[in-house]
């Protein structure tokens, strides 16, 4: 008996059999050093990859004048007038 997409059987006897199989199933052994799948860690890795690729690709596509303009803007944001807290 195959149960697709998590649907439980309607017949009480088949349902009882399915519940027993689910509750007594052996966990799938994992290779040593392998972490369980985590969606958040996967998405974090994807974000890091995009960040690593983006700057290099942007450097290749920008002209010298555009790079200077972006650097000046970054310097102003970094070192421009700052409000002092009292």
Protein backbone atom coordinates (compact mmCIF):
# COMPACT_ATOMS: atom_id res chain seq x y z
CA UNK A 1 0.00 0.00 0.00
CA UNK A 2 1.49 3.32 -1.06
CA UNK A 3 0.41 6.59 0.47
CA UNK A 4 1.15 9.58 -1.74
CA UNK A 5 1.72 13.09 -0.41
CA UNK A 6 1.03 12.19 3.22
CA UNK A 7 -2.58 11.16 2.72
CA UNK A 8 -3.74 8.69 5.32
CA UNK A 9 -5.91 5.71 4.36
CA UNK A 10 -9.63 5.87 5.07
CA UNK A 11 -10.06 2.21 5.97
CA UNK A 12 -9.60 1.83 9.78
CA UNK A 13 -7.52 -1.33 9.43
CA UNK A 14 -5.18 0.19 6.86
CA UNK A 15 -4.97 3.35 8.97
CA UNK A 16 -3.99 1.30 12.04
CA UNK A 17 -1.30 -0.51 10.02
CA UNK A 18 0.00 2.81 8.66
CA UNK A 19 0.17 4.36 12.15
CA UNK A 20 2.10 1.38 13.51
CA UNK A 21 4.54 1.50 10.58
CA UNK A 22 5.09 5.24 11.04
CA UNK A 23 5.62 4.99 14.78
CA UNK A 24 7.97 2.01 14.67
CA UNK A 25 10.00 3.01 11.62
CA UNK A 26 13.78 3.05 12.08
CA UNK A 27 15.36 6.47 11.55
CA UNK A 28 17.46 6.74 8.42
CA UNK A 29 21.13 6.60 9.45
CA UNK A 30 23.23 9.57 8.38
CA UNK A 31 26.86 9.54 7.40
CA UNK A 32 29.22 10.71 10.15
CA UNK A 33 29.82 14.45 10.02
CA UNK A 34 26.73 15.08 7.88
CA UNK A 35 24.29 17.60 9.32
CA UNK A 36 20.53 17.24 8.87
CA UNK A 37 19.00 19.35 6.12
CA UNK A 38 18.09 22.84 7.24
CA UNK A 39 16.34 25.26 4.93
CA UNK A 40 17.75 28.28 6.73
CA UNK A 41 21.34 27.07 6.37
CA UNK A 42 20.73 26.34 2.68
CA UNK A 43 19.31 29.82 2.07
CA UNK A 44 22.22 31.39 3.99
CA UNK A 45 24.67 29.55 1.75
CA UNK A 46 22.82 30.76 -1.35
CA UNK A 47 22.95 34.35 -0.07
CA UNK A 48 26.68 34.13 0.59
CA UNK A 49 27.25 32.77 -2.90
CA UNK A 50 25.35 35.65 -4.48
CA UNK A 51 27.29 38.15 -2.40
CA UNK A 52 30.61 36.64 -3.43
CA UNK A 53 29.75 36.68 -7.11
CA UNK A 54 28.03 40.08 -7.24
CA UNK A 55 30.97 42.35 -6.45
CA UNK A 56 33.31 40.68 -8.91
CA UNK A 57 30.77 40.76 -11.71
CA UNK A 58 29.93 44.40 -10.95
CA UNK A 59 33.62 45.32 -11.07
CA UNK A 60 33.95 43.85 -14.56
CA UNK A 61 30.86 45.60 -15.93
CA UNK A 62 31.48 49.09 -14.47
CA UNK A 63 33.56 51.70 -16.21
CA UNK A 64 36.39 53.50 -14.42
CA UNK A 65 34.27 56.64 -13.98
CA UNK A 66 31.42 54.61 -12.49
CA UNK A 67 33.80 52.87 -10.07
CA UNK A 68 35.22 56.23 -8.94
CA UNK A 69 31.72 57.63 -8.42
CA UNK A 70 30.66 54.60 -6.37
CA UNK A 71 33.86 54.76 -4.29
CA UNK A 72 33.36 58.47 -3.58
CA UNK A 73 29.77 57.87 -2.53
CA UNK A 74 30.87 55.05 -0.22
CA UNK A 75 33.59 57.23 1.31
CA UNK A 76 31.11 60.05 1.95
CA UNK A 77 28.74 57.59 3.62
CA UNK A 78 31.55 56.14 5.69
CA UNK A 79 33.47 59.27 6.65
CA UNK A 80 31.02 62.11 6.01
CA UNK A 81 29.63 64.37 8.71
CA UNK A 82 28.45 62.32 11.62
CA UNK A 83 26.13 63.48 14.34
CA UNK A 84 27.82 63.32 17.73
CA UNK A 85 25.85 61.94 20.62
CA UNK A 86 26.01 63.85 23.91
